[in-house]
Amino acid sequence: MKENTRYSGEHSATAPHIIFFWAALEEMTSEQRRKFIAFSWGRESIPPAGQHWGQKMHLMTFGQKRKSKESMDAYMPASHTCSFGLELPVYSSKEVTKDRLLYAIENVMEYSLD
């Protein structure tokens, strides 16, 4: 997935909160990662390695209009399944990132566009 991800806003592949994001995904079970794909893309799985994705996952700054430096730890990620987009708050740790992602994927109504 990393190779098929683009970043905007405060996000870059080397930003600490993005490193937390990828580490949190790596710690998830296969079932939790499947739910993450359903949450963020509305599909059950990603294309197999080497296959064309059609579109890349887009990690964007949560609430891009926010100017304050308040803690983002209380906010949940938001998905845009039509465009495989994820608004990701700038979380303070891997633990907070994983907790918020798991809450989001476990408490969203599942559906599949496959």
N, C-alpha and C. Protein backbone atom coordinates (compact mmCIF):
# COMPACT_ATOMS: atom_id res chain seq x y z
N MET A 1 0.81 -1.20 0.00
CA MET A 1 0.00 0.00 0.00
C MET A 1 0.85 1.26 0.00
N LYS A 2 2.01 1.21 0.67
CA LYS A 2 2.84 2.41 0.75
C LYS A 2 3.19 2.94 -0.63
N GLU A 3 3.49 2.03 -1.56
CA GLU A 3 3.89 2.45 -2.90
C GLU A 3 2.71 3.03 -3.67
N ASN A 4 1.50 2.78 -3.22
CA ASN A 4 0.30 3.26 -3.89
C ASN A 4 -0.44 4.27 -3.03
N THR A 5 0.33 5.12 -2.35
CA THR A 5 -0.24 6.15 -1.50
C THR A 5 0.34 7.50 -1.88
N ARG A 6 -0.53 8.49 -1.94
CA ARG A 6 -0.07 9.86 -2.15
C ARG A 6 -0.45 10.67 -0.92
N TYR A 7 0.28 11.74 -0.68
CA TYR A 7 0.11 12.55 0.52
C TYR A 7 -0.18 14.00 0.15
N SER A 8 -0.94 14.68 1.01
CA SER A 8 -1.15 16.11 0.83
C SER A 8 -1.31 16.75 2.21
N GLY A 9 -1.34 18.08 2.22
CA GLY A 9 -1.45 18.80 3.48
C GLY A 9 -0.18 18.62 4.30
N GLU A 10 -0.35 18.33 5.57
CA GLU A 10 0.79 18.16 6.48
C GLU A 10 1.42 16.78 6.37
N HIS A 11 0.94 15.97 5.48
CA HIS A 11 1.40 14.60 5.38
C HIS A 11 2.55 14.44 4.39
N SER A 12 3.50 13.62 4.77
CA SER A 12 4.57 13.17 3.88
C SER A 12 4.99 11.81 4.40
N ALA A 13 5.65 11.04 3.59
CA ALA A 13 6.03 9.68 3.98
C ALA A 13 6.93 9.66 5.21
N THR A 14 7.63 10.75 5.49
CA THR A 14 8.58 10.78 6.62
C THR A 14 8.05 11.53 7.84
N ALA A 15 6.83 12.04 7.78
CA ALA A 15 6.26 12.73 8.94
C ALA A 15 6.02 11.73 10.07
N PRO A 16 6.29 12.11 11.32
CA PRO A 16 6.12 11.17 12.44
C PRO A 16 4.74 10.53 12.50
N HIS A 17 3.67 11.30 12.30
CA HIS A 17 2.32 10.72 12.40
C HIS A 17 2.03 9.76 11.25
N ILE A 18 2.71 9.89 10.13
CA ILE A 18 2.54 8.93 9.03
C ILE A 18 3.31 7.64 9.35
N ILE A 19 4.45 7.79 9.97
CA ILE A 19 5.19 6.60 10.44
C ILE A 19 4.35 5.85 11.46
N PHE A 20 3.66 6.58 12.37
CA PHE A 20 2.75 5.94 13.32
C PHE A 20 1.62 5.20 12.58
N PHE A 21 1.08 5.83 11.54
CA PHE A 21 0.00 5.24 10.77
C PHE A 21 0.42 3.90 10.17
N TRP A 22 1.55 3.86 9.48
CA TRP A 22 2.00 2.61 8.86
C TRP A 22 2.35 1.55 9.90
N ALA A 23 2.94 1.96 11.01
CA ALA A 23 3.25 1.00 12.08
C ALA A 23 1.97 0.42 12.67
N ALA A 24 0.95 1.27 12.85
CA ALA A 24 -0.33 0.79 13.38
C ALA A 24 -0.97 -0.22 12.42
N LEU A 25 -0.93 0.06 11.13
CA LEU A 25 -1.49 -0.88 10.15
C LEU A 25 -0.73 -2.20 10.17
N GLU A 26 0.60 -2.14 10.30
CA GLU A 26 1.40 -3.37 10.31
C GLU A 26 1.08 -4.24 11.52
N GLU A 27 0.68 -3.62 12.63
CA GLU A 27 0.35 -4.37 13.85
C GLU A 27 -1.05 -4.98 13.80
N MET A 28 -1.87 -4.53 12.89
CA MET A 28 -3.25 -5.03 12.82
C MET A 28 -3.28 -6.45 12.27
N THR A 29 -4.33 -7.16 12.63
CA THR A 29 -4.55 -8.50 12.09
C THR A 29 -5.00 -8.37 10.63
N SER A 30 -4.99 -9.47 9.92
CA SER A 30 -5.47 -9.47 8.53
C SER A 30 -6.92 -9.01 8.46
N GLU A 31 -7.74 -9.45 9.40
CA GLU A 31 -9.14 -9.05 9.43
C GLU A 31 -9.28 -7.55 9.67
N GLN A 32 -8.49 -7.01 10.59
CA GLN A 32 -8.54 -5.57 10.85
C GLN A 32 -8.08 -4.77 9.63
N ARG A 33 -7.06 -5.25 8.93
CA ARG A 33 -6.62 -4.56 7.71
C ARG A 33 -7.70 -4.63 6.62
N ARG A 34 -8.39 -5.76 6.53
CA ARG A 34 -9.50 -5.88 5.58
C ARG A 34 -10.57 -4.85 5.91
N LYS A 35 -10.87 -4.69 7.18
CA LYS A 35 -11.85 -3.69 7.59
C LYS A 35 -11.37 -2.27 7.31
N PHE A 36 -10.07 -2.05 7.45
CA PHE A 36 -9.52 -0.74 7.12
C PHE A 36 -9.73 -0.44 5.64
N ILE A 37 -9.48 -1.42 4.78
CA ILE A 37 -9.69 -1.23 3.33
C ILE A 37 -11.17 -0.94 3.05
N ALA A 38 -12.07 -1.68 3.72
CA ALA A 38 -13.50 -1.43 3.55
C ALA A 38 -13.87 -0.02 4.02
N PHE A 39 -13.29 0.40 5.14
CA PHE A 39 -13.56 1.73 5.69
C PHE A 39 -13.05 2.83 4.77
N SER A 40 -11.87 2.66 4.24
CA SER A 40 -11.24 3.74 3.48
C SER A 40 -11.51 3.68 1.98
N TRP A 41 -11.88 2.51 1.43
CA TRP A 41 -12.04 2.37 -0.01
C TRP A 41 -13.36 1.72 -0.40
N GLY A 42 -14.07 1.14 0.57
CA GLY A 42 -15.34 0.49 0.26
C GLY A 42 -15.17 -0.83 -0.46
N ARG A 43 -14.02 -1.44 -0.34
CA ARG A 43 -13.74 -2.73 -0.98
C ARG A 43 -13.25 -3.71 0.08
N GLU A 44 -13.25 -4.97 -0.29
CA GLU A 44 -12.82 -6.01 0.65
C GLU A 44 -11.31 -6.20 0.67
N SER A 45 -10.63 -5.84 -0.43
CA SER A 45 -9.19 -6.08 -0.49
C SER A 45 -8.55 -5.11 -1.48
N ILE A 46 -7.24 -5.03 -1.41
CA ILE A 46 -6.48 -4.24 -2.37
C ILE A 46 -6.08 -5.13 -3.54
N PRO A 47 -5.74 -4.55 -4.68
CA PRO A 47 -5.30 -5.37 -5.81
C PRO A 47 -4.03 -6.16 -5.46
N PRO A 48 -3.84 -7.32 -6.06
CA PRO A 48 -2.62 -8.10 -5.80
C PRO A 48 -1.36 -7.33 -6.21
N ALA A 49 -0.25 -7.69 -5.61
CA ALA A 49 1.03 -7.06 -5.93
C ALA A 49 1.27 -7.11 -7.42
N GLY A 50 1.72 -5.99 -7.97
CA GLY A 50 2.02 -5.91 -9.38
C GLY A 50 0.86 -5.55 -10.27
N GLN A 51 -0.35 -5.60 -9.72
CA GLN A 51 -1.53 -5.27 -10.52
C GLN A 51 -1.82 -3.77 -10.40
N HIS A 52 -2.34 -3.18 -11.48
CA HIS A 52 -2.67 -1.75 -11.50
C HIS A 52 -3.79 -1.45 -10.52
N TRP A 53 -3.64 -0.41 -9.70
CA TRP A 53 -4.63 -0.06 -8.70
C TRP A 53 -5.76 0.80 -9.24
N GLY A 54 -5.53 1.52 -10.30
CA GLY A 54 -6.55 2.44 -10.80
C GLY A 54 -6.47 3.79 -10.12
N GLN A 55 -6.35 3.81 -8.83
CA GLN A 55 -6.15 5.04 -8.08
C GLN A 55 -5.36 4.73 -6.82
N LYS A 56 -4.59 5.70 -6.37
CA LYS A 56 -3.80 5.54 -5.15
C LYS A 56 -4.60 5.97 -3.94
N MET A 57 -4.24 5.42 -2.78
CA MET A 57 -4.82 5.89 -1.54
C MET A 57 -4.31 7.31 -1.32
N HIS A 58 -5.17 8.19 -0.86
CA HIS A 58 -4.81 9.58 -0.64
C HIS A 58 -4.94 9.88 0.84
N LEU A 59 -3.80 10.12 1.50
CA LEU A 59 -3.79 10.53 2.90
C LEU A 59 -3.75 12.05 2.93
N MET A 60 -4.79 12.63 3.52
CA MET A 60 -4.86 14.08 3.57
C MET A 60 -5.03 14.54 5.01
N THR A 61 -4.68 15.80 5.24
CA THR A 61 -4.78 16.36 6.57
C THR A 61 -6.23 16.47 7.00
N PHE A 62 -6.50 16.01 8.19
CA PHE A 62 -7.84 16.09 8.77
C PHE A 62 -8.21 17.55 8.98
N GLY A 63 -9.40 17.93 8.57
CA GLY A 63 -9.88 19.29 8.81
C GLY A 63 -8.91 20.33 8.31
N GLN A 64 -8.58 20.29 7.03
CA GLN A 64 -7.54 21.16 6.49
C GLN A 64 -7.77 22.64 6.77
N LYS A 65 -8.98 23.04 7.10
CA LYS A 65 -9.26 24.45 7.38
C LYS A 65 -8.88 24.83 8.81
N ARG A 66 -8.57 23.83 9.63
CA ARG A 66 -8.20 24.11 11.01
C ARG A 66 -6.85 24.82 11.05
N LYS A 67 -6.78 25.90 11.81
CA LYS A 67 -5.54 26.65 11.94
C LYS A 67 -4.90 26.48 13.31
N SER A 68 -5.70 26.04 14.29
CA SER A 68 -5.19 25.93 15.66
C SER A 68 -4.26 24.73 15.80
N LYS A 69 -3.49 24.75 16.83
CA LYS A 69 -2.56 23.65 17.11
C LYS A 69 -3.10 22.76 18.23
N GLU A 70 -4.43 22.73 18.39
CA GLU A 70 -5.03 21.88 19.42
C GLU A 70 -4.68 20.42 19.15
N SER A 71 -4.74 19.62 20.18
CA SER A 71 -4.44 18.20 20.03
C SER A 71 -5.46 17.55 19.12
N MET A 72 -4.98 16.77 18.19
CA MET A 72 -5.84 16.06 17.26
C MET A 72 -6.20 14.67 17.79
N ASP A 73 -5.66 14.30 18.96
CA ASP A 73 -5.87 12.95 19.49
C ASP A 73 -7.33 12.61 19.74
N ALA A 74 -8.18 13.59 19.97
CA ALA A 74 -9.59 13.34 20.26
C ALA A 74 -10.41 13.11 18.99
N TYR A 75 -9.85 13.39 17.83
CA TYR A 75 -10.60 13.30 16.58
C TYR A 75 -10.45 11.94 15.92
N MET A 76 -11.47 11.59 15.16
CA MET A 76 -11.47 10.32 14.43
C MET A 76 -11.08 10.56 12.98
N PRO A 77 -10.50 9.56 12.33
CA PRO A 77 -10.22 9.68 10.90
C PRO A 77 -11.53 9.67 10.12
N ALA A 78 -11.50 10.29 8.96
CA ALA A 78 -12.69 10.31 8.09
C ALA A 78 -12.29 9.74 6.73
N SER A 79 -13.17 8.93 6.17
CA SER A 79 -12.84 8.32 4.88
C SER A 79 -13.70 8.89 3.76
N HIS A 80 -13.15 8.79 2.57
CA HIS A 80 -13.83 9.17 1.33
C HIS A 80 -13.70 7.97 0.40
N THR A 81 -14.62 7.02 0.52
CA THR A 81 -14.48 5.75 -0.18
C THR A 81 -14.49 5.89 -1.70
N CYS A 82 -15.18 6.87 -2.22
CA CYS A 82 -15.24 7.03 -3.69
C CYS A 82 -13.87 7.36 -4.27
N SER A 83 -13.06 8.07 -3.50
CA SER A 83 -11.75 8.48 -4.00
C SER A 83 -10.60 7.81 -3.26
N PHE A 84 -10.90 6.80 -2.41
CA PHE A 84 -9.89 6.10 -1.61
C PHE A 84 -9.07 7.11 -0.82
N GLY A 85 -9.80 8.04 -0.18
CA GLY A 85 -9.16 9.08 0.61
C GLY A 85 -9.36 8.87 2.10
N LEU A 86 -8.37 9.27 2.86
CA LEU A 86 -8.45 9.18 4.31
C LEU A 86 -7.96 10.49 4.90
N GLU A 87 -8.86 11.18 5.61
CA GLU A 87 -8.46 12.37 6.37
C GLU A 87 -7.93 11.86 7.70
N LEU A 88 -6.65 12.04 7.90
CA LEU A 88 -5.99 11.50 9.09
C LEU A 88 -5.53 12.63 10.00
N PRO A 89 -6.08 12.70 11.22
CA PRO A 89 -5.58 13.70 12.16
C PRO A 89 -4.10 13.47 12.45
N VAL A 90 -3.41 14.51 12.86
CA VAL A 90 -1.99 14.40 13.21
C VAL A 90 -1.94 13.90 14.66
N TYR A 91 -1.94 12.58 14.81
CA TYR A 91 -1.94 11.97 16.13
C TYR A 91 -0.56 12.05 16.78
N SER A 92 -0.55 11.96 18.11
CA SER A 92 0.69 12.15 18.88
C SER A 92 1.50 10.87 19.05
N SER A 93 0.91 9.70 18.80
CA SER A 93 1.64 8.46 19.01
C SER A 93 1.06 7.34 18.15
N LYS A 94 1.82 6.26 18.03
CA LYS A 94 1.34 5.08 17.30
C LYS A 94 0.14 4.48 18.03
N GLU A 95 0.17 4.47 19.35
CA GLU A 95 -0.91 3.89 20.13
C GLU A 95 -2.23 4.63 19.90
N VAL A 96 -2.18 5.96 19.90
CA VAL A 96 -3.38 6.75 19.65
C VAL A 96 -3.86 6.50 18.22
N THR A 97 -2.94 6.49 17.28
CA THR A 97 -3.28 6.25 15.88
C THR A 97 -4.00 4.92 15.73
N LYS A 98 -3.43 3.86 16.29
CA LYS A 98 -4.02 2.53 16.17
C LYS A 98 -5.38 2.48 16.85
N ASP A 99 -5.50 3.08 18.03
CA ASP A 99 -6.77 3.08 18.76
C ASP A 99 -7.86 3.77 17.96
N ARG A 100 -7.58 4.93 17.39
CA ARG A 100 -8.59 5.67 16.62
C ARG A 100 -8.95 4.94 15.33
N LEU A 101 -7.96 4.37 14.65
CA LEU A 101 -8.24 3.61 13.43
C LEU A 101 -9.11 2.39 13.74
N LEU A 102 -8.76 1.66 14.79
CA LEU A 102 -9.54 0.47 15.15
C LEU A 102 -10.97 0.85 15.53
N TYR A 103 -11.13 1.93 16.28
CA TYR A 103 -12.47 2.36 16.64
C TYR A 103 -13.27 2.69 15.38
N ALA A 104 -12.65 3.42 14.46
CA ALA A 104 -13.34 3.81 13.23
C ALA A 104 -13.74 2.59 12.40
N ILE A 105 -12.82 1.66 12.22
CA ILE A 105 -13.13 0.51 11.35
C ILE A 105 -14.11 -0.47 12.00
N GLU A 106 -14.11 -0.53 13.31
CA GLU A 106 -15.02 -1.45 14.00
C GLU A 106 -16.42 -0.86 14.17
N ASN A 107 -16.56 0.44 14.06
CA ASN A 107 -17.84 1.07 14.34
C ASN A 107 -18.48 1.75 13.13
N VAL A 108 -18.01 1.41 11.97
CA VAL A 108 -18.61 1.94 10.75
C VAL A 108 -19.44 0.83 10.11
N MET A 109 -20.54 1.21 9.50
CA MET A 109 -21.35 0.22 8.81
C MET A 109 -20.57 -0.29 7.60
N GLU A 110 -20.38 -1.60 7.52
CA GLU A 110 -19.61 -2.18 6.42
C GLU A 110 -20.45 -2.33 5.18
N TYR A 111 -19.83 -2.06 4.05
CA TYR A 111 -20.42 -2.32 2.77
C TYR A 111 -19.29 -2.53 1.78
N SER A 112 -19.60 -3.11 0.69
CA SER A 112 -18.58 -3.41 -0.31
C SER A 112 -19.07 -2.96 -1.68
N LEU A 113 -18.16 -2.37 -2.44
CA LEU A 113 -18.46 -1.95 -3.79
C LEU A 113 -17.91 -2.94 -4.80
N ASP A 114 -17.25 -4.01 -4.32
CA ASP A 114 -16.68 -5.03 -5.22
C ASP A 114 -17.77 -5.76 -5.96
